[in-house]
Amino acid sequence: MTITDVTPQPTDAERFSHILAVQRAAYVRDGAPSLAARRSDLNRLKAALIARRSAIEEAINTDFGNRSRHETAMMELGGVVQGIDYLERNLRRFMRPTGRHTAWPMRFGTNRIEYQPLGVVGVISPWNYPVNLSLMPVVTAIAAGNRVMLKPSKFTPATNTVLASVLSEVFPQEQVTIVSGDGTAFSSLPFDHLVLPEAQKSDEPR
């Protein structure tokens, strides 16, 4: 009788925690990205999405059984591309410090708010619009200078595969990554911010 050693596989919680640690270390090491770097990231993602339009339409059609390509083009890809254009166009203004009133006793000083990234943002997205509701929180977090870990719905496997391909093509894992697994374990991680789209806050399936 032969005894075979079996290496235990990491749990979802362990796997997610490792990725979070890698992303947080990278954020601490590199600090907040510049305006030029954020714009470059957004434009590269937009170009990758447009190039994969047919693959995304086919994947969503596969997951839903029958989803109009026109609906996907307008509601999924069009929404994300327009969102990226808006962020890229206004990003300099969003990053600019804003002045605040200085109280009379401190009249020789000045007050201002400087907008800084939070760190690593977790995103859980629902199934009904799997590209738009996954990527809009991602691109917003990128524009704000954060690292991102995305957990899309398990009910859209074909779409998730295409999204994983696009994101890995554009970003290193320490900046943006997509994961699958237990949603409870994911949402329990100590993210600097956790995004749950509105549809996810109900009892709808994940």
Protein backbone atom coordinates (compact mmCIF):
# COMPACT_ATOMS: atom_id res chain seq x y z
CA MET A 1 0.00 0.00 0.00
CA THR A 2 1.37 3.37 -1.01
CA ILE A 3 0.74 6.46 1.04
CA THR A 4 0.64 9.63 -1.02
CA ASP A 5 1.24 12.98 0.60
CA VAL A 6 -1.50 15.44 -0.28
CA THR A 7 -0.65 19.11 -0.05
CA PRO A 8 -3.60 20.96 1.46
CA GLN A 9 -5.05 23.58 -0.84
CA PRO A 10 -5.40 27.11 0.51
CA THR A 11 -8.90 28.17 1.48
CA ASP A 12 -10.59 31.08 -0.29
CA ALA A 13 -9.95 33.24 2.77
CA GLU A 14 -6.24 32.40 2.73
CA ARG A 15 -5.97 32.96 -1.01
CA PHE A 16 -7.77 36.30 -0.85
CA SER A 17 -5.70 37.42 2.14
CA HIS A 18 -2.47 36.67 0.28
CA ILE A 19 -3.54 38.73 -2.74
CA LEU A 20 -4.64 41.58 -0.49
CA ALA A 21 -1.26 41.54 1.29
CA VAL A 22 0.57 41.70 -2.05
CA GLN A 23 -1.55 44.60 -3.28
CA ARG A 24 -1.25 46.51 -0.02
CA ALA A 25 2.52 46.09 0.02
CA ALA A 26 2.69 47.38 -3.55
CA TYR A 27 0.55 50.39 -2.63
CA VAL A 28 2.75 51.23 0.35
CA ARG A 29 5.87 50.80 -1.79
CA ASP A 30 4.74 52.88 -4.77
CA GLY A 31 2.40 55.42 -3.20
CA ALA A 32 -0.28 57.33 -5.08
CA PRO A 33 0.03 57.18 -8.89
CA SER A 34 0.41 60.37 -10.88
CA LEU A 35 -2.25 61.96 -13.06
CA ALA A 36 -0.44 60.71 -16.17
CA ALA A 37 -0.28 57.13 -14.83
CA ARG A 38 -3.99 57.09 -13.98
CA ARG A 39 -4.94 58.43 -17.39
CA SER A 40 -2.73 55.85 -19.06
CA ASP A 41 -4.32 53.02 -17.07
CA LEU A 42 -7.83 54.17 -17.96
CA ASN A 43 -7.06 54.56 -21.66
CA ARG A 44 -5.33 51.18 -21.89
CA LEU A 45 -8.32 49.50 -20.27
CA LYS A 46 -10.73 51.28 -22.63
CA ALA A 47 -8.70 50.16 -25.65
CA ALA A 48 -8.62 46.57 -24.40
CA LEU A 49 -12.39 46.52 -23.87
CA ILE A 50 -13.10 47.92 -27.31
CA ALA A 51 -10.76 45.36 -28.86
CA ARG A 52 -12.57 42.54 -27.04
CA ARG A 53 -16.07 43.77 -27.86
CA SER A 54 -17.10 40.67 -29.82
CA ALA A 55 -15.71 38.30 -27.18
CA ILE A 56 -17.57 40.15 -24.43
CA GLU A 57 -20.84 40.12 -26.38
CA GLU A 58 -20.47 36.40 -27.03
CA ALA A 59 -19.61 35.63 -23.39
CA ILE A 60 -22.61 37.53 -22.03
CA ASN A 61 -24.86 35.83 -24.56
CA THR A 62 -23.51 32.47 -23.36
CA ASP A 63 -24.11 33.27 -19.70
CA PHE A 64 -27.63 34.59 -20.23
CA GLY A 65 -28.72 32.13 -22.88
CA ASN A 66 -29.89 34.95 -25.13
CA ARG A 67 -28.76 38.54 -24.58
CA SER A 68 -29.03 41.06 -27.40
CA ARG A 69 -25.63 42.20 -28.63
CA HIS A 70 -27.08 45.69 -29.02
CA GLU A 71 -28.04 45.75 -25.33
CA THR A 72 -24.58 44.56 -24.36
CA ALA A 73 -22.94 47.18 -26.57
CA MET A 74 -25.02 50.02 -25.13
CA MET A 75 -25.57 49.04 -21.50
CA GLU A 76 -22.37 47.17 -20.77
CA LEU A 77 -19.48 48.36 -22.96
CA GLY A 78 -20.91 51.76 -23.85
CA GLY A 79 -21.54 52.61 -20.23
CA VAL A 80 -18.00 51.69 -19.15
CA VAL A 81 -16.34 53.46 -22.09
CA GLN A 82 -18.34 56.64 -21.44
CA GLY A 83 -17.51 56.38 -17.74
CA ILE A 84 -13.79 56.12 -18.53
CA ASP A 85 -14.01 59.11 -20.88
CA TYR A 86 -15.72 61.17 -18.19
CA LEU A 87 -13.15 60.25 -15.55
CA GLU A 88 -10.19 60.87 -17.86
CA ARG A 89 -11.59 64.25 -18.92
CA ASN A 90 -12.22 65.45 -15.35
CA LEU A 91 -9.43 63.68 -13.50
CA ARG A 92 -7.15 66.71 -13.13
CA ARG A 93 -9.98 68.64 -11.49
CA PHE A 94 -10.91 65.71 -9.25
CA MET A 95 -7.32 65.43 -8.00
CA ARG A 96 -6.82 69.16 -7.42
CA PRO A 97 -6.81 70.25 -3.75
CA THR A 98 -9.78 72.41 -2.77
CA GLY A 99 -9.60 75.34 -0.41
CA ARG A 100 -11.68 75.64 2.74
CA HIS A 101 -12.66 78.58 4.92
CA THR A 102 -10.16 79.55 7.59
CA ALA A 103 -11.57 80.63 10.95
CA TRP A 104 -10.85 84.21 12.05
CA PRO A 105 -8.40 83.23 14.85
CA MET A 106 -6.38 81.31 12.24
CA ARG A 107 -6.69 84.00 9.53
CA PHE A 108 -2.97 83.97 8.75
CA GLY A 109 -3.15 80.27 7.83
CA THR A 110 -4.85 78.40 5.01
CA ASN A 111 -6.98 75.27 4.84
CA ARG A 112 -7.35 72.83 2.00
CA ILE A 113 -8.45 69.27 1.31
CA GLU A 114 -6.00 67.05 -0.55
CA TYR A 115 -7.62 64.01 -2.14
CA GLN A 116 -5.65 60.81 -1.61
CA PRO A 117 -6.21 57.14 -2.49
CA LEU A 118 -7.51 54.83 0.23
CA GLY A 119 -5.29 51.86 -0.64
CA VAL A 120 -6.86 48.58 -1.74
CA VAL A 121 -10.52 48.56 -2.76
CA GLY A 122 -12.60 45.38 -2.88
CA VAL A 123 -15.45 45.16 -5.39
CA ILE A 124 -18.25 42.59 -5.34
CA SER A 125 -20.45 42.74 -8.42
CA PRO A 126 -23.85 41.16 -9.22
CA TRP A 127 -24.84 39.04 -12.17
CA ASN A 128 -27.38 41.15 -14.06
CA TYR A 129 -24.97 43.51 -15.87
CA PRO A 130 -21.71 41.70 -15.28
CA VAL A 131 -19.39 44.00 -17.23
CA ASN A 132 -20.80 47.41 -16.32
CA LEU A 133 -21.43 46.66 -12.64
CA SER A 134 -18.02 45.02 -12.33
CA LEU A 135 -15.88 47.53 -14.17
CA MET A 136 -17.39 50.90 -13.27
CA PRO A 137 -16.38 50.54 -9.60
CA VAL A 138 -13.00 49.27 -10.80
CA VAL A 139 -12.30 52.21 -13.13
CA THR A 140 -13.48 54.69 -10.51
CA ALA A 141 -11.12 53.16 -7.95
CA ILE A 142 -8.26 53.23 -10.47
CA ALA A 143 -8.96 56.88 -11.26
CA ALA A 144 -8.77 57.60 -7.53
CA GLY A 145 -5.35 55.94 -7.40
CA ASN A 146 -6.27 52.71 -5.63
CA ARG A 147 -5.43 49.03 -6.10
CA VAL A 148 -8.45 46.81 -6.79
CA MET A 149 -9.56 43.25 -6.13
CA LEU A 150 -12.75 42.28 -8.00
CA LYS A 151 -15.03 39.33 -7.19
CA PRO A 152 -17.71 39.01 -9.87
CA SER A 153 -20.79 36.79 -9.68
CA LYS A 154 -20.35 33.04 -9.98
CA PHE A 155 -23.38 32.98 -12.29
CA THR A 156 -21.49 34.62 -15.20
CA PRO A 157 -18.50 32.30 -15.72
CA ALA A 158 -17.98 33.00 -19.42
CA THR A 159 -18.02 36.76 -18.89
CA ASN A 160 -15.69 36.42 -15.90
CA THR A 161 -13.18 34.55 -18.05
CA VAL A 162 -13.11 37.37 -20.60
CA LEU A 163 -12.86 40.02 -17.87
CA ALA A 164 -9.97 38.15 -16.28
CA SER A 165 -8.19 38.05 -19.63
CA VAL A 166 -8.71 41.79 -20.21
CA LEU A 167 -7.63 42.84 -16.72
CA SER A 168 -4.54 40.63 -16.69
CA GLU A 169 -3.57 41.99 -20.10
CA VAL A 170 -3.72 45.60 -18.88
CA PHE A 171 -2.71 45.43 -15.20
CA PRO A 172 -0.26 43.48 -13.04
CA GLN A 173 -1.96 41.42 -10.32
CA GLU A 174 -0.59 43.68 -7.62
CA GLN A 175 -2.60 46.56 -9.11
CA VAL A 176 -5.86 44.99 -10.30
CA THR A 177 -6.92 41.37 -10.03
CA ILE A 178 -10.10 39.33 -10.38
CA VAL A 179 -10.87 36.39 -8.10
CA SER A 180 -13.53 33.73 -7.72
CA GLY A 181 -14.72 32.01 -4.59
CA ASP A 182 -16.68 32.57 -1.42
CA GLY A 183 -18.29 36.00 -1.22
CA THR A 184 -18.48 35.96 2.57
CA ALA A 185 -14.76 35.30 2.87
CA PHE A 186 -14.09 38.08 0.37
CA SER A 187 -16.27 40.65 2.10
CA SER A 188 -14.67 39.81 5.46
CA LEU A 189 -11.23 40.96 4.30
CA PRO A 190 -9.87 44.19 5.81
CA PHE A 191 -10.11 46.24 2.62
CA ASP A 192 -9.58 49.98 2.82
CA HIS A 193 -12.96 50.26 1.12
CA LEU A 194 -15.51 47.69 -0.06
CA VAL A 195 -17.89 48.42 -2.96
CA LEU A 196 -21.18 46.54 -3.24
CA PRO A 197 -23.30 47.74 -6.19
CA GLU A 198 -26.91 48.50 -5.34
CA ALA A 199 -28.32 45.27 -6.75
CA GLN A 200 -25.91 43.33 -4.51
CA LYS A 201 -27.29 44.84 -1.30
CA SER A 202 -30.53 42.91 -1.59
CA ASP A 203 -30.97 39.16 -1.30
CA GLU A 204 -30.21 38.58 -4.99
CA PRO A 205 -27.81 35.72 -5.77
CA ARG A 206 -24.08 36.37 -6.04
